[in-house]
Amino acid sequence: MTHRPYDRAKRVLDAVVGGVALVASLPVQAVVALLVATKLGRPVLFRQERPGKDGEIFELRKFRSMLPVDESTGHVTDADRLTPFGKVLRSTSLDELPSLWNVVRGDMSIVGPRPLLPSYLPLYDARQARRHEVRPGLTGLAQVTGRNATTWEERLRLDVDYVEKRSLRVDLMIVVRTFTTVLSRSGVSAEGEATMAPFTGSTSAVQSAESAPSAGAAE
């Protein structure tokens, strides 16, 4: 099944819907920016490189939700740096509003697998790497099916399920479920984590590497 016709139509929808949402959210973004500057200091925006479609790197923009790393105050881990205000930003997804600019630019889509870290790229197995066949999204199937409370294996499986089944009907279903997930503020973080534990590689990839013939010790 080819998804190219829908992918072309979806890009137009993303540009239109993302542009309207970006303009409509500007008053809210102004208030959030002021609160971030007051409670967390500057800079207001968090910027980080993330891999998009086909692994192409882009700069993701979000509102900051954490204090800077400061060993003198004990603000070292994500859990230490995430303030009550930051938790509210994340649970309501208000921190994601600046990412609408990424949607308008074409870096991201409204719906798609969440953009993760570039360092994860070599850790995916062949199937998991298919998540980069589409643009990453503000929300996705994994985000409405447990959010950050799911395991990495399940989250990446859901990402690829979306890639294979994407359609207007699926996207609309995910958007509707996103609102209910945000309103319930469920699955914002994994147990004992500010968000999720770092991804260290897929089980199948590790098993494959362990079963491969040894090529001798590397220098």
N, C-alpha and C. Protein backbone atom coordinates (compact mmCIF):
# COMPACT_ATOMS: atom_id res chain seq x y z
N MET A 1 0.85 -1.21 0.00
CA MET A 1 0.00 0.00 0.00
C MET A 1 0.88 1.25 0.00
N THR A 2 0.62 2.16 -0.94
CA THR A 2 1.38 3.39 -1.00
C THR A 2 0.69 4.49 -0.20
N HIS A 3 1.49 5.25 0.53
CA HIS A 3 0.95 6.34 1.35
C HIS A 3 1.28 7.70 0.75
N ARG A 4 1.89 7.71 -0.44
CA ARG A 4 2.37 8.98 -0.99
C ARG A 4 1.27 10.01 -1.22
N PRO A 5 0.10 9.63 -1.79
CA PRO A 5 -0.95 10.64 -1.98
C PRO A 5 -1.37 11.27 -0.65
N TYR A 6 -1.55 10.44 0.37
CA TYR A 6 -1.94 11.00 1.67
C TYR A 6 -0.82 11.84 2.27
N ASP A 7 0.42 11.40 2.12
CA ASP A 7 1.54 12.15 2.68
C ASP A 7 1.61 13.56 2.07
N ARG A 8 1.33 13.66 0.76
CA ARG A 8 1.34 14.99 0.11
C ARG A 8 0.20 15.85 0.64
N ALA A 9 -0.98 15.25 0.76
CA ALA A 9 -2.13 15.99 1.28
C ALA A 9 -1.92 16.38 2.74
N LYS A 10 -1.30 15.48 3.48
CA LYS A 10 -1.06 15.73 4.90
C LYS A 10 -0.11 16.91 5.10
N ARG A 11 0.88 17.05 4.23
CA ARG A 11 1.81 18.17 4.36
C ARG A 11 1.08 19.50 4.18
N VAL A 12 0.13 19.55 3.26
CA VAL A 12 -0.67 20.76 3.07
C VAL A 12 -1.51 21.03 4.31
N LEU A 13 -2.16 19.98 4.84
CA LEU A 13 -2.97 20.12 6.05
C LEU A 13 -2.12 20.58 7.23
N ASP A 14 -0.92 20.02 7.35
CA ASP A 14 -0.03 20.42 8.44
C ASP A 14 0.31 21.90 8.35
N ALA A 15 0.62 22.37 7.14
CA ALA A 15 1.00 23.77 6.97
C ALA A 15 -0.16 24.70 7.32
N VAL A 16 -1.37 24.33 6.89
CA VAL A 16 -2.55 25.17 7.14
C VAL A 16 -2.95 25.11 8.61
N VAL A 17 -3.15 23.90 9.13
CA VAL A 17 -3.58 23.75 10.52
C VAL A 17 -2.50 24.25 11.48
N GLY A 18 -1.24 23.92 11.18
CA GLY A 18 -0.15 24.38 12.03
C GLY A 18 -0.03 25.89 12.04
N GLY A 19 -0.21 26.52 10.87
CA GLY A 19 -0.13 27.97 10.79
C GLY A 19 -1.24 28.65 11.57
N VAL A 20 -2.47 28.15 11.41
CA VAL A 20 -3.61 28.71 12.14
C VAL A 20 -3.42 28.53 13.65
N ALA A 21 -3.00 27.33 14.05
CA ALA A 21 -2.79 27.05 15.47
C ALA A 21 -1.67 27.90 16.05
N LEU A 22 -0.62 28.12 15.26
CA LEU A 22 0.50 28.94 15.72
C LEU A 22 0.04 30.37 16.00
N VAL A 23 -0.69 30.95 15.06
CA VAL A 23 -1.17 32.33 15.23
C VAL A 23 -2.17 32.40 16.39
N ALA A 24 -3.10 31.44 16.46
CA ALA A 24 -4.11 31.45 17.51
C ALA A 24 -3.51 31.28 18.90
N SER A 25 -2.37 30.57 18.96
CA SER A 25 -1.77 30.29 20.27
C SER A 25 -0.79 31.37 20.73
N LEU A 26 -0.55 32.38 19.91
CA LEU A 26 0.45 33.40 20.27
C LEU A 26 0.16 34.09 21.60
N PRO A 27 -1.11 34.47 21.90
CA PRO A 27 -1.36 35.07 23.22
C PRO A 27 -1.01 34.13 24.37
N VAL A 28 -1.35 32.85 24.22
CA VAL A 28 -1.02 31.86 25.25
C VAL A 28 0.49 31.70 25.36
N GLN A 29 1.16 31.66 24.20
CA GLN A 29 2.61 31.51 24.21
C GLN A 29 3.28 32.71 24.89
N ALA A 30 2.72 33.89 24.70
CA ALA A 30 3.29 35.08 25.33
C ALA A 30 3.21 34.98 26.85
N VAL A 31 2.08 34.50 27.35
CA VAL A 31 1.90 34.33 28.80
C VAL A 31 2.85 33.26 29.33
N VAL A 32 2.91 32.13 28.63
CA VAL A 32 3.80 31.04 29.06
C VAL A 32 5.25 31.50 29.04
N ALA A 33 5.65 32.24 28.01
CA ALA A 33 7.02 32.74 27.92
C ALA A 33 7.36 33.64 29.10
N LEU A 34 6.42 34.49 29.49
CA LEU A 34 6.63 35.38 30.63
C LEU A 34 6.79 34.57 31.92
N LEU A 35 5.95 33.54 32.08
CA LEU A 35 6.02 32.70 33.28
C LEU A 35 7.33 31.91 33.33
N VAL A 36 7.76 31.41 32.17
CA VAL A 36 9.02 30.66 32.12
C VAL A 36 10.18 31.58 32.50
N ALA A 37 10.19 32.80 31.95
CA ALA A 37 11.26 33.75 32.26
C ALA A 37 11.27 34.10 33.74
N THR A 38 10.08 34.21 34.33
CA THR A 38 9.97 34.58 35.75
C THR A 38 10.38 33.44 36.67
N LYS A 39 9.91 32.23 36.36
CA LYS A 39 10.10 31.09 37.25
C LYS A 39 11.37 30.29 36.99
N LEU A 40 11.81 30.25 35.73
CA LEU A 40 12.97 29.43 35.38
C LEU A 40 14.14 30.24 34.85
N GLY A 41 13.89 31.51 34.54
CA GLY A 41 14.95 32.35 33.99
C GLY A 41 15.07 32.19 32.48
N ARG A 42 16.07 32.82 31.94
CA ARG A 42 16.30 32.76 30.49
C ARG A 42 17.40 31.76 30.18
N PRO A 43 17.42 31.23 28.95
CA PRO A 43 16.50 31.49 27.84
C PRO A 43 15.13 30.86 28.07
N VAL A 44 14.13 31.41 27.40
CA VAL A 44 12.77 30.91 27.54
C VAL A 44 12.58 29.62 26.75
N LEU A 45 13.23 29.53 25.60
CA LEU A 45 13.06 28.37 24.72
C LEU A 45 14.16 27.34 24.93
N PHE A 46 13.76 26.09 24.82
CA PHE A 46 14.68 24.96 24.79
C PHE A 46 14.86 24.59 23.33
N ARG A 47 16.09 24.55 22.87
CA ARG A 47 16.40 24.20 21.48
C ARG A 47 17.35 23.01 21.48
N GLN A 48 17.01 22.02 20.67
CA GLN A 48 17.86 20.83 20.61
C GLN A 48 17.73 20.17 19.24
N GLU A 49 18.85 19.64 18.75
CA GLU A 49 18.82 18.94 17.48
C GLU A 49 18.11 17.60 17.63
N ARG A 50 17.22 17.30 16.69
CA ARG A 50 16.51 16.03 16.67
C ARG A 50 16.48 15.50 15.23
N PRO A 51 16.46 14.19 15.04
CA PRO A 51 16.35 13.63 13.69
C PRO A 51 14.90 13.61 13.23
N GLY A 52 14.67 14.04 12.01
CA GLY A 52 13.33 14.04 11.44
C GLY A 52 13.17 12.95 10.39
N LYS A 53 12.40 13.27 9.36
CA LYS A 53 12.18 12.31 8.27
C LYS A 53 13.51 11.93 7.63
N ASP A 54 13.69 10.63 7.42
CA ASP A 54 14.92 10.08 6.84
C ASP A 54 16.16 10.41 7.68
N GLY A 55 15.94 10.71 8.97
CA GLY A 55 17.06 10.99 9.86
C GLY A 55 17.66 12.37 9.71
N GLU A 56 17.04 13.23 8.89
CA GLU A 56 17.58 14.58 8.68
C GLU A 56 17.44 15.40 9.96
N ILE A 57 18.52 16.04 10.37
CA ILE A 57 18.55 16.77 11.64
C ILE A 57 17.89 18.14 11.51
N PHE A 58 17.07 18.49 12.51
CA PHE A 58 16.48 19.82 12.58
C PHE A 58 16.54 20.30 14.03
N GLU A 59 16.26 21.58 14.25
CA GLU A 59 16.29 22.14 15.59
C GLU A 59 14.87 22.20 16.16
N LEU A 60 14.62 21.40 17.19
CA LEU A 60 13.33 21.38 17.86
C LEU A 60 13.24 22.55 18.83
N ARG A 61 12.06 23.18 18.88
CA ARG A 61 11.84 24.30 19.79
C ARG A 61 10.70 23.97 20.75
N LYS A 62 10.96 24.17 22.04
CA LYS A 62 9.94 23.98 23.07
C LYS A 62 10.17 25.04 24.15
N PHE A 63 9.16 25.23 25.01
CA PHE A 63 9.40 26.07 26.17
C PHE A 63 10.22 25.28 27.19
N ARG A 64 11.14 25.94 27.84
CA ARG A 64 11.91 25.28 28.89
C ARG A 64 10.99 24.86 30.03
N SER A 65 11.25 23.68 30.57
CA SER A 65 10.47 23.20 31.72
C SER A 65 11.37 22.76 32.86
N MET A 66 12.69 22.92 32.68
CA MET A 66 13.65 22.50 33.70
C MET A 66 14.61 23.62 34.08
N LEU A 67 15.12 23.55 35.30
CA LEU A 67 16.19 24.44 35.72
C LEU A 67 17.49 23.99 35.05
N PRO A 68 18.45 24.90 34.89
CA PRO A 68 19.73 24.49 34.30
C PRO A 68 20.50 23.57 35.26
N VAL A 69 21.39 22.76 34.70
CA VAL A 69 22.23 21.90 35.53
C VAL A 69 23.10 22.77 36.44
N ASP A 70 23.07 22.47 37.74
CA ASP A 70 23.85 23.24 38.71
C ASP A 70 24.23 22.31 39.86
N GLU A 71 25.47 21.83 39.85
CA GLU A 71 25.91 20.89 40.88
C GLU A 71 25.90 21.51 42.26
N SER A 72 26.10 22.82 42.36
CA SER A 72 26.16 23.47 43.67
C SER A 72 24.81 23.45 44.38
N THR A 73 23.73 23.40 43.60
CA THR A 73 22.39 23.36 44.20
C THR A 73 21.77 21.97 44.13
N GLY A 74 22.50 21.02 43.55
CA GLY A 74 21.97 19.66 43.45
C GLY A 74 21.06 19.44 42.27
N HIS A 75 20.96 20.43 41.38
CA HIS A 75 20.12 20.30 40.19
C HIS A 75 20.94 19.63 39.08
N VAL A 76 21.01 18.31 39.13
CA VAL A 76 21.83 17.56 38.19
C VAL A 76 20.99 16.66 37.30
N THR A 77 20.18 15.80 37.90
CA THR A 77 19.34 14.89 37.12
C THR A 77 18.09 15.61 36.62
N ASP A 78 17.43 15.02 35.63
CA ASP A 78 16.19 15.60 35.12
C ASP A 78 15.15 15.72 36.22
N ALA A 79 15.07 14.71 37.09
CA ALA A 79 14.09 14.73 38.17
C ALA A 79 14.36 15.89 39.13
N ASP A 80 15.64 16.18 39.39
CA ASP A 80 16.00 17.30 40.26
C ASP A 80 15.66 18.64 39.63
N ARG A 81 15.82 18.72 38.33
CA ARG A 81 15.68 20.00 37.62
C ARG A 81 14.24 20.32 37.24
N LEU A 82 13.36 19.32 37.27
CA LEU A 82 11.97 19.54 36.87
C LEU A 82 11.19 20.12 38.04
N THR A 83 10.75 21.36 37.91
CA THR A 83 10.02 22.05 38.97
C THR A 83 8.52 21.75 38.87
N PRO A 84 7.75 22.06 39.93
CA PRO A 84 6.29 21.90 39.85
C PRO A 84 5.69 22.66 38.66
N PHE A 85 6.21 23.85 38.39
CA PHE A 85 5.75 24.62 37.24
C PHE A 85 6.06 23.88 35.95
N GLY A 86 7.26 23.32 35.87
CA GLY A 86 7.63 22.55 34.68
C GLY A 86 6.76 21.33 34.49
N LYS A 87 6.38 20.69 35.59
CA LYS A 87 5.50 19.52 35.51
C LYS A 87 4.15 19.90 34.91
N VAL A 88 3.65 21.08 35.30
CA VAL A 88 2.37 21.55 34.75
C VAL A 88 2.51 21.81 33.25
N LEU A 89 3.60 22.45 32.85
CA LEU A 89 3.82 22.70 31.42
C LEU A 89 3.82 21.40 30.63
N ARG A 90 4.49 20.39 31.16
CA ARG A 90 4.59 19.12 30.45
C ARG A 90 3.27 18.35 30.45
N SER A 91 2.60 18.31 31.59
CA SER A 91 1.37 17.53 31.67
C SER A 91 0.26 18.12 30.80
N THR A 92 0.29 19.44 30.61
CA THR A 92 -0.71 20.10 29.76
C THR A 92 -0.23 20.25 28.32
N SER A 93 1.02 19.88 28.07
CA SER A 93 1.66 19.99 26.74
C SER A 93 1.81 21.44 26.27
N LEU A 94 1.71 22.40 27.20
CA LEU A 94 1.93 23.79 26.82
C LEU A 94 3.37 24.04 26.39
N ASP A 95 4.28 23.21 26.89
CA ASP A 95 5.68 23.37 26.50
C ASP A 95 5.91 23.07 25.02
N GLU A 96 4.95 22.39 24.40
CA GLU A 96 5.09 21.99 22.99
C GLU A 96 4.66 23.08 22.00
N LEU A 97 4.01 24.13 22.49
CA LEU A 97 3.45 25.13 21.57
C LEU A 97 4.47 25.72 20.58
N PRO A 98 5.69 26.04 20.99
CA PRO A 98 6.65 26.57 20.01
C PRO A 98 6.99 25.59 18.89
N SER A 99 6.73 24.30 19.12
CA SER A 99 7.00 23.30 18.08
C SER A 99 6.06 23.44 16.89
N LEU A 100 4.99 24.22 17.05
CA LEU A 100 4.12 24.48 15.90
C LEU A 100 4.91 25.16 14.78
N TRP A 101 5.93 25.93 15.16
CA TRP A 101 6.79 26.55 14.15
C TRP A 101 7.51 25.47 13.35
N ASN A 102 7.92 24.39 14.01
CA ASN A 102 8.56 23.28 13.31
C ASN A 102 7.60 22.61 12.34
N VAL A 103 6.31 22.58 12.70
CA VAL A 103 5.29 22.01 11.81
C VAL A 103 5.14 22.88 10.57
N VAL A 104 5.03 24.19 10.77
CA VAL A 104 4.87 25.11 9.64
C VAL A 104 6.08 25.04 8.71
N ARG A 105 7.27 24.93 9.28
CA ARG A 105 8.50 24.86 8.48
C ARG A 105 8.61 23.56 7.69
N GLY A 106 7.92 22.53 8.12
CA GLY A 106 8.02 21.24 7.45
C GLY A 106 8.96 20.26 8.12
N ASP A 107 9.51 20.65 9.30
CA ASP A 107 10.36 19.74 10.05
C ASP A 107 9.54 18.62 10.68
N MET A 108 8.32 18.98 11.08
CA MET A 108 7.46 18.07 11.81
C MET A 108 6.06 18.05 11.23
N SER A 109 5.25 17.14 11.75
CA SER A 109 3.85 17.03 11.39
C SER A 109 3.02 17.19 12.66
N ILE A 110 1.72 17.40 12.51
CA ILE A 110 0.85 17.41 13.69
C ILE A 110 0.87 16.03 14.34
N VAL A 111 0.76 14.99 13.52
CA VAL A 111 0.72 13.61 14.01
C VAL A 111 1.89 12.82 13.43
N GLY A 112 2.58 12.09 14.28
CA GLY A 112 3.70 11.26 13.84
C GLY A 112 4.48 10.79 15.05
N PRO A 113 5.47 9.95 14.87
CA PRO A 113 6.31 9.53 15.99
C PRO A 113 7.03 10.73 16.60
N ARG A 114 7.16 10.76 17.91
CA ARG A 114 7.84 11.88 18.55
C ARG A 114 9.31 11.93 18.14
N PRO A 115 9.87 13.13 17.93
CA PRO A 115 11.29 13.23 17.58
C PRO A 115 12.15 12.93 18.80
N LEU A 116 13.03 11.97 18.69
CA LEU A 116 13.89 11.57 19.80
C LEU A 116 15.30 12.11 19.59
N LEU A 117 16.27 11.56 20.28
CA LEU A 117 17.63 12.09 20.21
C LEU A 117 18.43 11.49 19.05
N PRO A 118 19.34 12.26 18.45
CA PRO A 118 20.19 11.72 17.38
C PRO A 118 21.02 10.52 17.83
N SER A 119 21.38 10.50 19.10
CA SER A 119 22.21 9.40 19.62
C SER A 119 21.48 8.07 19.62
N TYR A 120 20.14 8.10 19.46
CA TYR A 120 19.37 6.86 19.43
C TYR A 120 19.40 6.19 18.05
N LEU A 121 19.74 6.94 17.02
CA LEU A 121 19.66 6.43 15.64
C LEU A 121 20.39 5.09 15.44
N PRO A 122 21.63 4.95 15.91
CA PRO A 122 22.31 3.67 15.69
C PRO A 122 21.83 2.54 16.61
N LEU A 123 20.94 2.86 17.55
CA LEU A 123 20.48 1.86 18.51
C LEU A 123 19.22 1.13 18.06
N TYR A 124 18.54 1.65 17.02
CA TYR A 124 17.32 1.01 16.55
C TYR A 124 17.64 -0.25 15.76
N ASP A 125 16.74 -1.24 15.84
CA ASP A 125 16.85 -2.36 14.91
C ASP A 125 16.22 -1.92 13.58
N ALA A 126 16.27 -2.78 12.58
CA ALA A 126 15.82 -2.39 11.23
C ALA A 126 14.36 -1.96 11.22
N ARG A 127 13.53 -2.66 11.98
CA ARG A 127 12.10 -2.31 11.98
C ARG A 127 11.87 -1.00 12.72
N GLN A 128 12.50 -0.81 13.86
CA GLN A 128 12.31 0.42 14.62
C GLN A 128 12.77 1.65 13.84
N ALA A 129 13.79 1.48 13.01
CA ALA A 129 14.30 2.60 12.22
C ALA A 129 13.28 3.12 11.23
N ARG A 130 12.24 2.34 10.95
CA ARG A 130 11.20 2.77 10.01
C ARG A 130 10.39 3.95 10.55
N ARG A 131 10.51 4.25 11.83
CA ARG A 131 9.80 5.41 12.39
C ARG A 131 10.24 6.70 11.69
N HIS A 132 11.40 6.67 11.04
CA HIS A 132 11.90 7.86 10.35
C HIS A 132 11.49 7.92 8.88
N GLU A 133 10.57 7.06 8.48
CA GLU A 133 10.03 7.14 7.12
C GLU A 133 9.03 8.28 6.99
N VAL A 134 8.59 8.83 8.11
CA VAL A 134 7.63 9.94 8.10
C VAL A 134 8.18 11.08 8.96
N ARG A 135 7.57 12.25 8.84
CA ARG A 135 7.97 13.37 9.69
C ARG A 135 7.56 13.07 11.13
N PRO A 136 8.37 13.47 12.09
CA PRO A 136 7.97 13.31 13.49
C PRO A 136 6.80 14.23 13.81
N GLY A 137 6.07 13.92 14.88
CA GLY A 137 4.86 14.67 15.16
C GLY A 137 4.81 15.29 16.55
N LEU A 138 3.88 16.24 16.70
CA LEU A 138 3.60 16.82 18.01
C LEU A 138 2.95 15.78 18.91
N THR A 139 2.15 14.92 18.31
CA THR A 139 1.51 13.82 19.03
C THR A 139 1.56 12.60 18.13
N GLY A 140 1.35 11.44 18.73
CA GLY A 140 1.44 10.21 17.95
C GLY A 140 0.73 9.06 18.63
N LEU A 141 0.74 7.92 17.98
CA LEU A 141 0.05 6.75 18.52
C LEU A 141 0.60 6.34 19.88
N ALA A 142 1.91 6.41 20.05
CA ALA A 142 2.51 6.05 21.34
C ALA A 142 2.11 7.03 22.43
N GLN A 143 1.93 8.31 22.06
CA GLN A 143 1.60 9.33 23.06
C GLN A 143 0.16 9.19 23.56
N VAL A 144 -0.71 8.60 22.77
CA VAL A 144 -2.09 8.42 23.23
C VAL A 144 -2.32 6.99 23.71
N THR A 145 -1.23 6.21 23.79
CA THR A 145 -1.33 4.83 24.27
C THR A 145 -0.32 4.64 25.40
N GLY A 146 -0.45 5.47 26.42
CA GLY A 146 0.43 5.33 27.57
C GLY A 146 1.44 6.45 27.73
N ARG A 147 1.61 7.26 26.67
CA ARG A 147 2.53 8.40 26.73
C ARG A 147 3.92 7.93 27.17
N ASN A 148 4.51 8.52 28.20
CA ASN A 148 5.86 8.13 28.62
C ASN A 148 5.87 6.96 29.60
N ALA A 149 4.69 6.44 29.96
CA ALA A 149 4.62 5.34 30.92
C ALA A 149 4.79 3.98 30.26
N THR A 150 4.89 3.94 28.94
CA THR A 150 5.09 2.67 28.23
C THR A 150 6.58 2.33 28.17
N THR A 151 6.89 1.08 27.84
CA THR A 151 8.28 0.68 27.67
C THR A 151 8.79 1.20 26.32
N TRP A 152 10.09 1.26 26.17
CA TRP A 152 10.66 1.69 24.90
C TRP A 152 10.28 0.74 23.77
N GLU A 153 10.30 -0.56 24.04
CA GLU A 153 9.96 -1.53 23.00
C GLU A 153 8.53 -1.30 22.50
N GLU A 154 7.61 -1.08 23.44
CA GLU A 154 6.21 -0.86 23.07
C GLU A 154 6.06 0.47 22.34
N ARG A 155 6.72 1.49 22.82
CA ARG A 155 6.61 2.81 22.21
C ARG A 155 7.10 2.79 20.76
N LEU A 156 8.24 2.15 20.53
CA LEU A 156 8.79 2.09 19.17
C LEU A 156 7.96 1.20 18.27
N ARG A 157 7.37 0.14 18.85
CA ARG A 157 6.47 -0.72 18.07
C ARG A 157 5.25 0.09 17.60
N LEU A 158 4.71 0.91 18.49
CA LEU A 158 3.55 1.74 18.14
C LEU A 158 3.92 2.77 17.07
N ASP A 159 5.13 3.31 17.14
CA ASP A 159 5.59 4.26 16.12
C ASP A 159 5.56 3.62 14.73
N VAL A 160 6.06 2.40 14.63
CA VAL A 160 6.11 1.72 13.34
C VAL A 160 4.71 1.29 12.91
N ASP A 161 3.86 0.91 13.87
CA ASP A 161 2.46 0.61 13.54
C ASP A 161 1.81 1.81 12.87
N TYR A 162 2.11 3.01 13.41
CA TYR A 162 1.55 4.23 12.81
C TYR A 162 2.06 4.43 11.39
N VAL A 163 3.35 4.24 11.20
CA VAL A 163 3.95 4.41 9.87
C VAL A 163 3.25 3.52 8.85
N GLU A 164 2.94 2.31 9.25
CA GLU A 164 2.33 1.34 8.34
C GLU A 164 0.84 1.58 8.11
N LYS A 165 0.16 2.18 9.07
CA LYS A 165 -1.30 2.31 8.99
C LYS A 165 -1.77 3.76 8.85
N ARG A 166 -0.86 4.69 8.66
CA ARG A 166 -1.24 6.10 8.66
C ARG A 166 -2.28 6.41 7.59
N SER A 167 -3.23 7.23 7.99
CA SER A 167 -4.32 7.65 7.10
C SER A 167 -5.01 8.83 7.78
N LEU A 168 -5.91 9.48 7.08
CA LEU A 168 -6.66 10.59 7.67
C LEU A 168 -7.47 10.11 8.86
N ARG A 169 -8.09 8.94 8.74
CA ARG A 169 -8.90 8.41 9.84
C ARG A 169 -8.04 8.16 11.08
N VAL A 170 -6.87 7.56 10.88
CA VAL A 170 -5.98 7.28 12.01
C VAL A 170 -5.49 8.58 12.64
N ASP A 171 -5.14 9.57 11.81
CA ASP A 171 -4.66 10.84 12.35
C ASP A 171 -5.75 11.55 13.15
N LEU A 172 -6.98 11.55 12.65
CA LEU A 172 -8.07 12.19 13.38
C LEU A 172 -8.32 11.49 14.70
N MET A 173 -8.24 10.16 14.71
CA MET A 173 -8.41 9.39 15.94
C MET A 173 -7.35 9.78 16.96
N ILE A 174 -6.11 9.92 16.50
CA ILE A 174 -5.02 10.27 17.41
C ILE A 174 -5.20 11.68 17.96
N VAL A 175 -5.62 12.62 17.12
CA VAL A 175 -5.84 14.00 17.58
C VAL A 175 -6.92 14.03 18.65
N VAL A 176 -8.03 13.33 18.43
CA VAL A 176 -9.12 13.29 19.42
C VAL A 176 -8.62 12.68 20.73
N ARG A 177 -7.90 11.57 20.63
CA ARG A 177 -7.39 10.91 21.83
C ARG A 177 -6.32 11.73 22.54
N THR A 178 -5.64 12.60 21.79
CA THR A 178 -4.64 13.48 22.40
C THR A 178 -5.29 14.42 23.40
N PHE A 179 -6.43 14.98 23.03
CA PHE A 179 -7.13 15.90 23.93
C PHE A 179 -7.53 15.20 25.23
N THR A 180 -8.05 13.98 25.12
CA THR A 180 -8.46 13.26 26.34
C THR A 180 -7.24 12.88 27.17
N THR A 181 -6.12 12.54 26.52
CA THR A 181 -4.90 12.19 27.25
C THR A 181 -4.34 13.39 27.99
N VAL A 182 -4.33 14.56 27.33
CA VAL A 182 -3.82 15.77 27.96
C VAL A 182 -4.71 16.19 29.12
N LEU A 183 -6.03 16.11 28.91
CA LEU A 183 -6.97 16.50 29.97
C LEU A 183 -6.84 15.61 31.19
N SER A 184 -6.56 14.32 30.96
CA SER A 184 -6.41 13.39 32.09
C SER A 184 -5.02 13.47 32.71
N ARG A 185 -4.07 14.10 31.99
CA ARG A 185 -2.69 14.25 32.44
C ARG A 185 -2.07 12.90 32.83
N SER A 186 -2.38 11.89 32.05
CA SER A 186 -1.90 10.54 32.37
C SER A 186 -0.63 10.21 31.58
N GLY A 187 0.22 9.37 32.17
CA GLY A 187 1.40 8.86 31.49
C GLY A 187 2.45 9.89 31.16
N VAL A 188 2.51 10.99 31.94
CA VAL A 188 3.47 12.05 31.64
C VAL A 188 4.90 11.57 31.84
N SER A 189 5.10 10.69 32.82
CA SER A 189 6.45 10.20 33.10
C SER A 189 6.44 8.73 33.45
N ALA A 190 7.57 8.08 33.21
CA ALA A 190 7.73 6.70 33.64
C ALA A 190 8.01 6.69 35.13
N GLU A 191 7.75 5.57 35.78
CA GLU A 191 7.94 5.47 37.22
C GLU A 191 9.39 5.78 37.60
N GLY A 192 9.56 6.75 38.51
CA GLY A 192 10.89 7.11 38.98
C GLY A 192 11.68 8.01 38.05
N GLU A 193 11.04 8.49 36.97
CA GLU A 193 11.73 9.34 35.99
C GLU A 193 10.98 10.64 35.80
N ALA A 194 11.71 11.69 35.36
CA ALA A 194 11.05 12.95 35.02
C ALA A 194 10.23 12.78 33.75
N THR A 195 10.73 11.99 32.81
CA THR A 195 9.98 11.68 31.60
C THR A 195 10.10 10.17 31.35
N MET A 196 11.17 9.76 30.66
CA MET A 196 11.47 8.35 30.45
C MET A 196 12.95 8.10 30.67
N ALA A 197 13.28 6.87 31.04
CA ALA A 197 14.69 6.50 31.12
C ALA A 197 15.29 6.55 29.71
N PRO A 198 16.58 6.83 29.57
CA PRO A 198 17.20 6.87 28.24
C PRO A 198 17.06 5.54 27.51
N PHE A 199 16.94 5.62 26.19
CA PHE A 199 16.89 4.41 25.36
C PHE A 199 18.31 3.88 25.19
N THR A 200 18.51 2.61 25.51
CA THR A 200 19.86 2.02 25.44
C THR A 200 19.99 0.97 24.36
N GLY A 201 18.97 0.82 23.54
CA GLY A 201 19.03 -0.15 22.46
C GLY A 201 17.90 -1.14 22.53
N SER A 202 17.50 -1.65 21.38
CA SER A 202 16.39 -2.59 21.33
C SER A 202 16.84 -3.98 21.75
N THR A 203 15.92 -4.71 22.36
CA THR A 203 16.20 -6.07 22.80
C THR A 203 16.59 -6.95 21.63
N SER A 204 15.86 -6.81 20.52
CA SER A 204 16.14 -7.65 19.36
C SER A 204 17.50 -7.34 18.76
N ALA A 205 17.89 -6.06 18.77
CA ALA A 205 19.20 -5.69 18.23
C ALA A 205 20.32 -6.25 19.10
N VAL A 206 20.12 -6.19 20.43
CA VAL A 206 21.13 -6.71 21.34
C VAL A 206 21.27 -8.22 21.18
N GLN A 207 20.12 -8.92 21.08
CA GLN A 207 20.15 -10.37 20.91
C GLN A 207 20.83 -10.75 19.61
N SER A 208 20.58 -9.97 18.54
CA SER A 208 21.19 -10.24 17.25
C SER A 208 22.71 -10.08 17.32
N ALA A 209 23.14 -9.02 18.02
CA ALA A 209 24.57 -8.76 18.15
C ALA A 209 25.25 -9.85 18.97
N GLU A 210 24.55 -10.33 20.02
CA GLU A 210 25.13 -11.34 20.88
C GLU A 210 25.25 -12.69 20.17
N SER A 211 24.33 -12.94 19.23
CA SER A 211 24.34 -14.23 18.54
C SER A 211 25.25 -14.24 17.32
N ALA A 212 25.74 -13.05 16.92
CA ALA A 212 26.61 -12.96 15.74
C ALA A 212 27.99 -13.53 16.06
N PRO A 213 28.69 -14.12 15.06
CA PRO A 213 30.04 -14.65 15.29
C PRO A 213 30.99 -13.55 15.71
N SER A 214 31.88 -13.85 16.62
CA SER A 214 32.83 -12.86 17.11
C SER A 214 33.89 -12.58 16.05
N ALA A 215 34.22 -11.29 15.89
CA ALA A 215 35.23 -10.89 14.90
C ALA A 215 36.56 -10.58 15.57
N GLY A 216 36.64 -10.91 16.87
CA GLY A 216 37.88 -10.63 17.59
C GLY A 216 37.80 -9.29 18.30
N ALA A 217 38.67 -9.07 19.23
CA ALA A 217 38.64 -7.86 20.03
C ALA A 217 39.05 -6.66 19.19
N ALA A 218 38.37 -5.54 19.44
CA ALA A 218 38.71 -4.31 18.74
C ALA A 218 39.87 -3.63 19.44
N GLU A 219 40.67 -2.91 18.70
CA GLU A 219 41.82 -2.22 19.28
C GLU A 219 41.39 -0.89 19.89
